[in-house]
C-alpha atoms as a PDB file:
ATOM      1  CA  MET A   1      18.877  67.103  -3.891  1.00  0.00           C
ATOM      2  CA  THR A   2      21.489  65.471  -6.120  1.00  0.00           C
ATOM      3  CA  ARG A   3      24.001  65.668  -3.314  1.00  0.00           C
ATOM      4  CA  TYR A   4      21.593  63.853  -0.999  1.00  0.00           C
ATOM      5  CA  LEU A   5      20.932  61.102  -3.564  1.00  0.00           C
ATOM      6  CA  ASN A   6      24.647  60.583  -4.198  1.00  0.00           C
ATOM      7  CA  ARG A   7      25.272  60.320  -0.474  1.00  0.00           C
ATOM      8  CA  LEU A   8      22.413  57.855  -0.101  1.00  0.00           C
ATOM      9  CA  ARG A   9      23.742  55.803  -3.012  1.00  0.00           C
ATOM     10  CA  LEU A  10      27.209  55.662  -1.436  1.00  0.00           C
ATOM     11  CA  GLN A  11      25.757  54.558   1.893  1.00  0.00           C
ATOM     12  CA  LEU A  12      23.767  51.816   0.185  1.00  0.00           C
ATOM     13  CA  LEU A  13      26.864  50.596  -1.664  1.00  0.00           C
ATOM     14  CA  CYS A  14      28.842  50.483   1.570  1.00  0.00           C
ATOM     15  CA  TYR A  15      25.995  48.616   3.256  1.00  0.00           C
ATOM     16  CA  LYS A  16      25.884  46.139   0.377  1.00  0.00           C
ATOM     17  CA  ARG A  17      29.617  45.431   0.706  1.00  0.00           C
ATOM     18  CA  ASP A  18      29.421  44.967   4.482  1.00  0.00           C
ATOM     19  CA  GLU A  19      29.131  41.222   5.089  1.00  0.00           C
ATOM     20  CA  THR A  20      29.653  41.155   8.859  1.00  0.00           C
ATOM     21  CA  ALA A  21      25.989  40.428   9.555  1.00  0.00           C
ATOM     22  CA  ALA A  22      25.976  37.558   7.071  1.00  0.00           C
ATOM     23  CA  THR A  23      29.101  36.115   8.664  1.00  0.00           C
ATOM     24  CA  ALA A  24      27.569  36.372  12.135  1.00  0.00           C
ATOM     25  CA  ILE A  25      24.453  34.554  10.924  1.00  0.00           C
ATOM     26  CA  GLU A  26      26.599  31.815   9.363  1.00  0.00           C
ATOM     27  CA  TYR A  27      28.504  31.327  12.616  1.00  0.00           C
ATOM     28  CA  GLY A  28      25.239  31.264  14.541  1.00  0.00           C
ATOM     29  CA  LEU A  29      23.855  28.544  12.273  1.00  0.00           C
ATOM     30  CA  LEU A  30      27.085  26.578  12.595  1.00  0.00           C
ATOM     31  CA  VAL A  31      26.904  26.722  16.395  1.00  0.00           C
ATOM     32  CA  ALA A  32      23.232  25.701  16.294  1.00  0.00           C
ATOM     33  CA  PHE A  33      23.932  22.646  14.116  1.00  0.00           C
ATOM     34  CA  ILE A  34      26.891  21.575  16.262  1.00  0.00           C
ATOM     35  CA  SER A  35      24.831  21.882  19.445  1.00  0.00           C
ATOM     36  CA  ILE A  36      21.973  19.866  17.900  1.00  0.00           C
ATOM     37  CA  PHE A  37      24.481  17.160  16.934  1.00  0.00           C
ATOM     38  CA  ILE A  38      25.966  17.079  20.453  1.00  0.00           C
ATOM     39  CA  ILE A  39      22.522  16.900  22.087  1.00  0.00           C
ATOM     40  CA  GLY A  40      21.516  14.064  19.751  1.00  0.00           C
ATOM     41  CA  ALA A  41      24.720  12.148  20.476  1.00  0.00           C
ATOM     42  CA  VAL A  42      24.291  12.548  24.231  1.00  0.00           C
ATOM     43  CA  LEU A  43      20.679  11.381  24.062  1.00  0.00           C
ATOM     44  CA  ALA A  44      21.604   8.396  21.896  1.00  0.00           C
ATOM     45  CA  ILE A  45      24.517   7.303  24.077  1.00  0.00           C
ATOM     46  CA  GLY A  46      22.931   8.287  27.388  1.00  0.00           C
ATOM     47  CA  GLY A  47      20.818   5.142  27.761  1.00  0.00           C
ATOM     48  CA  SER A  48      23.700   2.779  27.133  1.00  0.00           C
ATOM     49  CA  LEU A  49      25.921   4.714  29.518  1.00  0.00           C
ATOM     50  CA  ASP A  50      23.257   4.475  32.201  1.00  0.00           C
ATOM     51  CA  GLY A  51      23.177   0.694  31.851  1.00  0.00           C
ATOM     52  CA  PHE A  52      26.970   0.544  31.924  1.00  0.00           C
ATOM     53  CA  PHE A  53      27.197   2.460  35.198  1.00  0.00           C
ATOM     54  CA  ILE A  54      24.405   0.419  36.805  1.00  0.00           C
ATOM     55  CA  GLU A  55      26.262  -2.778  35.906  1.00  0.00           C
ATOM     56  CA  LEU A  56      29.533  -1.302  37.180  1.00  0.00           C
ATOM     57  CA  GLU A  57      27.855  -0.357  40.451  1.00  0.00           C
ATOM     58  CA  SER A  58      26.514  -3.881  40.935  1.00  0.00           C
ATOM     59  CA  LEU A  59      29.955  -5.371  40.225  1.00  0.00           C
ATOM     60  CA  ILE A  60      31.614  -3.053  42.733  1.00  0.00           C
ATOM     61  CA  SER A  61      28.977  -3.732  45.414  1.00  0.00           C
ATOM     62  CA  SER A  62      29.324  -7.498  44.943  1.00  0.00           C
ATOM     63  CA  VAL A  63      33.095  -7.238  45.512  1.00  0.00           C
ATOM     64  CA  TYR A  64      32.794  -5.197  48.716  1.00  0.00           C
END
């Protein structure tokens, strides 16, 4: 019984020291925040870009 408890204690200590899952979660959150920022920037700039290309199209069609 003592041998089993010592083995269990060692496994728990190794699990406590293993931070790979925490690092993966941190990277996942970082990617999520970056993607939210990119989506917001595209949505904010998208309307003005649409107007720019419509104006460019009308200028080109008036020349030709």
